[in-house]
Amino acid sequence: MNVSALSSPALATPLLTLPPTPAWRRLLRRVLGQHGLTIGAVILGLIVLAALFAP
């Protein structure tokens, strides 16, 4: 997965509207644990920025 795909508004909206179910939190924790908190925080920041600046 590349960062530009993750930061696109088309993908950011579904990601931000996912329900905070235990399975989703567990998946998120596993992904962040595998790739490091820094990368996770950068990707999350890009998603938030894409959502804020989307027309």
PDB file of N, CA and C in Angstrom:
ATOM      1  N   MET A   1       0.852  -1.195   0.000  1.00  0.00           N
ATOM      2  CA  MET A   1       0.000   0.000   0.000  1.00  0.00           C
ATOM      3  C   MET A   1       0.883   1.239   0.000  1.00  0.00           C
ATOM      4  N   ASN A   2       0.514   2.222  -0.807  1.00  0.00           N
ATOM      5  CA  ASN A   2       1.285   3.459  -0.783  1.00  0.00           C
ATOM      6  C   ASN A   2       0.501   4.554  -0.070  1.00  0.00           C
ATOM      7  N   VAL A   3       1.218   5.554   0.378  1.00  0.00           N
ATOM      8  CA  VAL A   3       0.620   6.585   1.221  1.00  0.00           C
ATOM      9  C   VAL A   3      -0.350   7.459   0.433  1.00  0.00           C
ATOM     10  N   SER A   4      -0.052   7.704  -0.849  1.00  0.00           N
ATOM     11  CA  SER A   4      -0.922   8.580  -1.628  1.00  0.00           C
ATOM     12  C   SER A   4      -2.306   7.970  -1.807  1.00  0.00           C
ATOM     13  N   ALA A   5      -2.382   6.648  -1.928  1.00  0.00           N
ATOM     14  CA  ALA A   5      -3.693   5.998  -2.040  1.00  0.00           C
ATOM     15  C   ALA A   5      -4.461   6.139  -0.724  1.00  0.00           C
ATOM     16  N   LEU A   6      -3.749   6.006   0.398  1.00  0.00           N
ATOM     17  CA  LEU A   6      -4.407   6.096   1.694  1.00  0.00           C
ATOM     18  C   LEU A   6      -4.898   7.509   1.998  1.00  0.00           C
ATOM     19  N   SER A   7      -4.225   8.509   1.443  1.00  0.00           N
ATOM     20  CA  SER A   7      -4.583   9.883   1.789  1.00  0.00           C
ATOM     21  C   SER A   7      -5.621  10.485   0.838  1.00  0.00           C
ATOM     22  N   SER A   8      -6.088   9.707  -0.136  1.00  0.00           N
ATOM     23  CA  SER A   8      -7.081  10.248  -1.061  1.00  0.00           C
ATOM     24  C   SER A   8      -8.431  10.398  -0.357  1.00  0.00           C
ATOM     25  N   PRO A   9      -9.167  11.456  -0.643  1.00  0.00           N
ATOM     26  CA  PRO A   9     -10.464  11.678   0.014  1.00  0.00           C
ATOM     27  C   PRO A   9     -11.442  10.528  -0.193  1.00  0.00           C
ATOM     28  N   ALA A  10     -11.376   9.856  -1.345  1.00  0.00           N
ATOM     29  CA  ALA A  10     -12.298   8.752  -1.622  1.00  0.00           C
ATOM     30  C   ALA A  10     -12.117   7.621  -0.617  1.00  0.00           C
ATOM     31  N   LEU A  11     -10.874   7.404  -0.170  1.00  0.00           N
ATOM     32  CA  LEU A  11     -10.636   6.357   0.818  1.00  0.00           C
ATOM     33  C   LEU A  11     -10.708   6.900   2.243  1.00  0.00           C
ATOM     34  N   ALA A  12     -10.427   8.181   2.404  1.00  0.00           N
ATOM     35  CA  ALA A  12     -10.416   8.759   3.746  1.00  0.00           C
ATOM     36  C   ALA A  12     -11.819   8.753   4.357  1.00  0.00           C
ATOM     37  N   THR A  13     -12.833   9.043   3.543  1.00  0.00           N
ATOM     38  CA  THR A  13     -14.186   9.128   4.083  1.00  0.00           C
ATOM     39  C   THR A  13     -14.677   7.792   4.650  1.00  0.00           C
ATOM     40  N   PRO A  14     -14.571   6.681   3.907  1.00  0.00           N
ATOM     41  CA  PRO A  14     -14.986   5.401   4.496  1.00  0.00           C
ATOM     42  C   PRO A  14     -14.165   5.028   5.728  1.00  0.00           C
ATOM     43  N   LEU A  15     -12.864   5.328   5.715  1.00  0.00           N
ATOM     44  CA  LEU A  15     -12.036   5.006   6.871  1.00  0.00           C
ATOM     45  C   LEU A  15     -12.492   5.774   8.111  1.00  0.00           C
ATOM     46  N   LEU A  16     -12.853   7.037   7.929  1.00  0.00           N
ATOM     47  CA  LEU A  16     -13.248   7.859   9.070  1.00  0.00           C
ATOM     48  C   LEU A  16     -14.631   7.503   9.579  1.00  0.00           C
ATOM     49  N   THR A  17     -15.462   6.863   8.729  1.00  0.00           N
ATOM     50  CA  THR A  17     -16.831   6.563   9.136  1.00  0.00           C
ATOM     51  C   THR A  17     -17.008   5.112   9.569  1.00  0.00           C
ATOM     52  N   LEU A  18     -15.906   4.337   9.628  1.00  0.00           N
ATOM     53  CA  LEU A  18     -16.010   2.967  10.107  1.00  0.00           C
ATOM     54  C   LEU A  18     -16.429   2.958  11.576  1.00  0.00           C
ATOM     55  N   PRO A  19     -17.295   2.043  11.957  1.00  0.00           N
ATOM     56  CA  PRO A  19     -17.700   1.964  13.361  1.00  0.00           C
ATOM     57  C   PRO A  19     -16.540   1.483  14.226  1.00  0.00           C
ATOM     58  N   PRO A  20     -16.405   2.016  15.435  1.00  0.00           N
ATOM     59  CA  PRO A  20     -15.287   1.632  16.312  1.00  0.00           C
ATOM     60  C   PRO A  20     -15.542   0.297  17.006  1.00  0.00           C
ATOM     61  N   THR A  21     -15.688  -0.760  16.212  1.00  0.00           N
ATOM     62  CA  THR A  21     -15.937  -2.090  16.768  1.00  0.00           C
ATOM     63  C   THR A  21     -14.639  -2.672  17.321  1.00  0.00           C
ATOM     64  N   PRO A  22     -14.741  -3.610  18.246  1.00  0.00           N
ATOM     65  CA  PRO A  22     -13.524  -4.239  18.787  1.00  0.00           C
ATOM     66  C   PRO A  22     -12.650  -4.868  17.699  1.00  0.00           C
ATOM     67  N   ALA A  23     -13.266  -5.477  16.690  1.00  0.00           N
ATOM     68  CA  ALA A  23     -12.486  -6.096  15.616  1.00  0.00           C
ATOM     69  C   ALA A  23     -11.695  -5.040  14.847  1.00  0.00           C
ATOM     70  N   TRP A  24     -12.316  -3.890  14.577  1.00  0.00           N
ATOM     71  CA  TRP A  24     -11.641  -2.807  13.859  1.00  0.00           C
ATOM     72  C   TRP A  24     -10.492  -2.263  14.682  1.00  0.00           C
ATOM     73  N   ARG A  25     -10.724  -2.080  16.006  1.00  0.00           N
ATOM     74  CA  ARG A  25      -9.645  -1.592  16.875  1.00  0.00           C
ATOM     75  C   ARG A  25      -8.503  -2.598  16.950  1.00  0.00           C
ATOM     76  N   ARG A  26      -8.848  -3.892  16.994  1.00  0.00           N
ATOM     77  CA  ARG A  26      -7.824  -4.932  17.055  1.00  0.00           C
ATOM     78  C   ARG A  26      -6.995  -4.928  15.777  1.00  0.00           C
ATOM     79  N   LEU A  27      -7.662  -4.787  14.629  1.00  0.00           N
ATOM     80  CA  LEU A  27      -6.954  -4.722  13.349  1.00  0.00           C
ATOM     81  C   LEU A  27      -6.042  -3.504  13.302  1.00  0.00           C
ATOM     82  N   LEU A  28      -6.565  -2.356  13.727  1.00  0.00           N
ATOM     83  CA  LEU A  28      -5.780  -1.131  13.714  1.00  0.00           C
ATOM     84  C   LEU A  28      -4.553  -1.264  14.612  1.00  0.00           C
ATOM     85  N   ARG A  29      -4.751  -1.855  15.797  1.00  0.00           N
ATOM     86  CA  ARG A  29      -3.641  -2.032  16.724  1.00  0.00           C
ATOM     87  C   ARG A  29      -2.591  -2.966  16.128  1.00  0.00           C
ATOM     88  N   ARG A  30      -3.034  -4.014  15.428  1.00  0.00           N
ATOM     89  CA  ARG A  30      -2.085  -4.948  14.828  1.00  0.00           C
ATOM     90  C   ARG A  30      -1.294  -4.275  13.709  1.00  0.00           C
ATOM     91  N   VAL A  31      -1.973  -3.488  12.882  1.00  0.00           N
ATOM     92  CA  VAL A  31      -1.290  -2.780  11.787  1.00  0.00           C
ATOM     93  C   VAL A  31      -0.284  -1.779  12.346  1.00  0.00           C
ATOM     94  N   LEU A  32      -0.696  -1.025  13.358  1.00  0.00           N
ATOM     95  CA  LEU A  32       0.216  -0.046  13.961  1.00  0.00           C
ATOM     96  C   LEU A  32       1.384  -0.743  14.633  1.00  0.00           C
ATOM     97  N   GLY A  33       1.134  -1.896  15.246  1.00  0.00           N
ATOM     98  CA  GLY A  33       2.198  -2.632  15.906  1.00  0.00           C
ATOM     99  C   GLY A  33       3.210  -3.180  14.902  1.00  0.00           C
ATOM    100  N   GLN A  34       2.728  -3.615  13.737  1.00  0.00           N
ATOM    101  CA  GLN A  34       3.614  -4.176  12.731  1.00  0.00           C
ATOM    102  C   GLN A  34       4.492  -3.111  12.102  1.00  0.00           C
ATOM    103  N   HIS A  35       3.927  -1.969  11.781  1.00  0.00           N
ATOM    104  CA  HIS A  35       4.627  -0.973  10.973  1.00  0.00           C
ATOM    105  C   HIS A  35       5.181   0.185  11.790  1.00  0.00           C
ATOM    106  N   GLY A  36       4.917   0.182  13.082  1.00  0.00           N
ATOM    107  CA  GLY A  36       5.455   1.235  13.928  1.00  0.00           C
ATOM    108  C   GLY A  36       4.458   2.370  14.119  1.00  0.00           C
ATOM    109  N   LEU A  37       4.445   2.936  15.299  1.00  0.00           N
ATOM    110  CA  LEU A  37       3.506   4.007  15.619  1.00  0.00           C
ATOM    111  C   LEU A  37       3.756   5.258  14.800  1.00  0.00           C
ATOM    112  N   THR A  38       5.003   5.503  14.425  1.00  0.00           N
ATOM    113  CA  THR A  38       5.305   6.709  13.665  1.00  0.00           C
ATOM    114  C   THR A  38       4.646   6.666  12.296  1.00  0.00           C
ATOM    115  N   ILE A  39       4.791   5.538  11.594  1.00  0.00           N
ATOM    116  CA  ILE A  39       4.172   5.409  10.269  1.00  0.00           C
ATOM    117  C   ILE A  39       2.656   5.489  10.392  1.00  0.00           C
ATOM    118  N   GLY A  40       2.098   4.838  11.399  1.00  0.00           N
ATOM    119  CA  GLY A  40       0.657   4.884  11.621  1.00  0.00           C
ATOM    120  C   GLY A  40       0.165   6.307  11.866  1.00  0.00           C
ATOM    121  N   ALA A  41       0.921   7.049  12.669  1.00  0.00           N
ATOM    122  CA  ALA A  41       0.533   8.425  12.965  1.00  0.00           C
ATOM    123  C   ALA A  41       0.617   9.304  11.721  1.00  0.00           C
ATOM    124  N   VAL A  42       1.643   9.089  10.894  1.00  0.00           N
ATOM    125  CA  VAL A  42       1.783   9.865   9.658  1.00  0.00           C
ATOM    126  C   VAL A  42       0.616   9.581   8.727  1.00  0.00           C
ATOM    127  N   ILE A  43       0.276   8.305   8.550  1.00  0.00           N
ATOM    128  CA  ILE A  43      -0.838   7.936   7.667  1.00  0.00           C
ATOM    129  C   ILE A  43      -2.148   8.510   8.197  1.00  0.00           C
ATOM    130  N   LEU A  44      -2.369   8.391   9.507  1.00  0.00           N
ATOM    131  CA  LEU A  44      -3.582   8.938  10.105  1.00  0.00           C
ATOM    132  C   LEU A  44      -3.643  10.455   9.909  1.00  0.00           C
ATOM    133  N   GLY A  45      -2.505  11.123  10.072  1.00  0.00           N
ATOM    134  CA  GLY A  45      -2.458  12.564   9.852  1.00  0.00           C
ATOM    135  C   GLY A  45      -2.791  12.937   8.420  1.00  0.00           C
ATOM    136  N   LEU A  46      -2.271  12.164   7.471  1.00  0.00           N
ATOM    137  CA  LEU A  46      -2.571  12.430   6.059  1.00  0.00           C
ATOM    138  C   LEU A  46      -4.049  12.222   5.758  1.00  0.00           C
ATOM    139  N   ILE A  47      -4.644  11.190   6.350  1.00  0.00           N
ATOM    140  CA  ILE A  47      -6.068  10.935   6.145  1.00  0.00           C
ATOM    141  C   ILE A  47      -6.891  12.096   6.693  1.00  0.00           C
ATOM    142  N   VAL A  48      -6.525  12.559   7.879  1.00  0.00           N
ATOM    143  CA  VAL A  48      -7.258  13.689   8.484  1.00  0.00           C
ATOM    144  C   VAL A  48      -7.106  14.948   7.640  1.00  0.00           C
ATOM    145  N   LEU A  49      -5.894  15.212   7.174  1.00  0.00           N
ATOM    146  CA  LEU A  49      -5.674  16.386   6.329  1.00  0.00           C
ATOM    147  C   LEU A  49      -6.465  16.287   5.028  1.00  0.00           C
ATOM    148  N   ALA A  50      -6.480  15.089   4.425  1.00  0.00           N
ATOM    149  CA  ALA A  50      -7.235  14.903   3.189  1.00  0.00           C
ATOM    150  C   ALA A  50      -8.725  15.161   3.427  1.00  0.00           C
ATOM    151  N   ALA A  51      -9.228  14.713   4.574  1.00  0.00           N
ATOM    152  CA  ALA A  51     -10.641  14.924   4.893  1.00  0.00           C
ATOM    153  C   ALA A  51     -10.934  16.408   5.136  1.00  0.00           C
ATOM    154  N   LEU A  52     -10.014  17.107   5.782  1.00  0.00           N
ATOM    155  CA  LEU A  52     -10.226  18.532   6.079  1.00  0.00           C
ATOM    156  C   LEU A  52     -10.185  19.387   4.817  1.00  0.00           C
ATOM    157  N   PHE A  53      -9.293  19.038   3.888  1.00  0.00           N
ATOM    158  CA  PHE A  53      -9.108  19.879   2.709  1.00  0.00           C
ATOM    159  C   PHE A  53      -9.855  19.380   1.477  1.00  0.00           C
ATOM    160  N   ALA A  54     -10.628  18.290   1.627  1.00  0.00           N
ATOM    161  CA  ALA A  54     -11.426  17.815   0.493  1.00  0.00           C
ATOM    162  C   ALA A  54     -12.524  18.843   0.198  1.00  0.00           C
ATOM    163  N   PRO A  55     -12.800  19.083  -1.062  1.00  0.00           N
ATOM    164  CA  PRO A  55     -13.836  20.061  -1.421  1.00  0.00           C
ATOM    165  C   PRO A  55     -15.230  19.620  -0.997  1.00  0.00           C
TER     166      PRO A  55
END
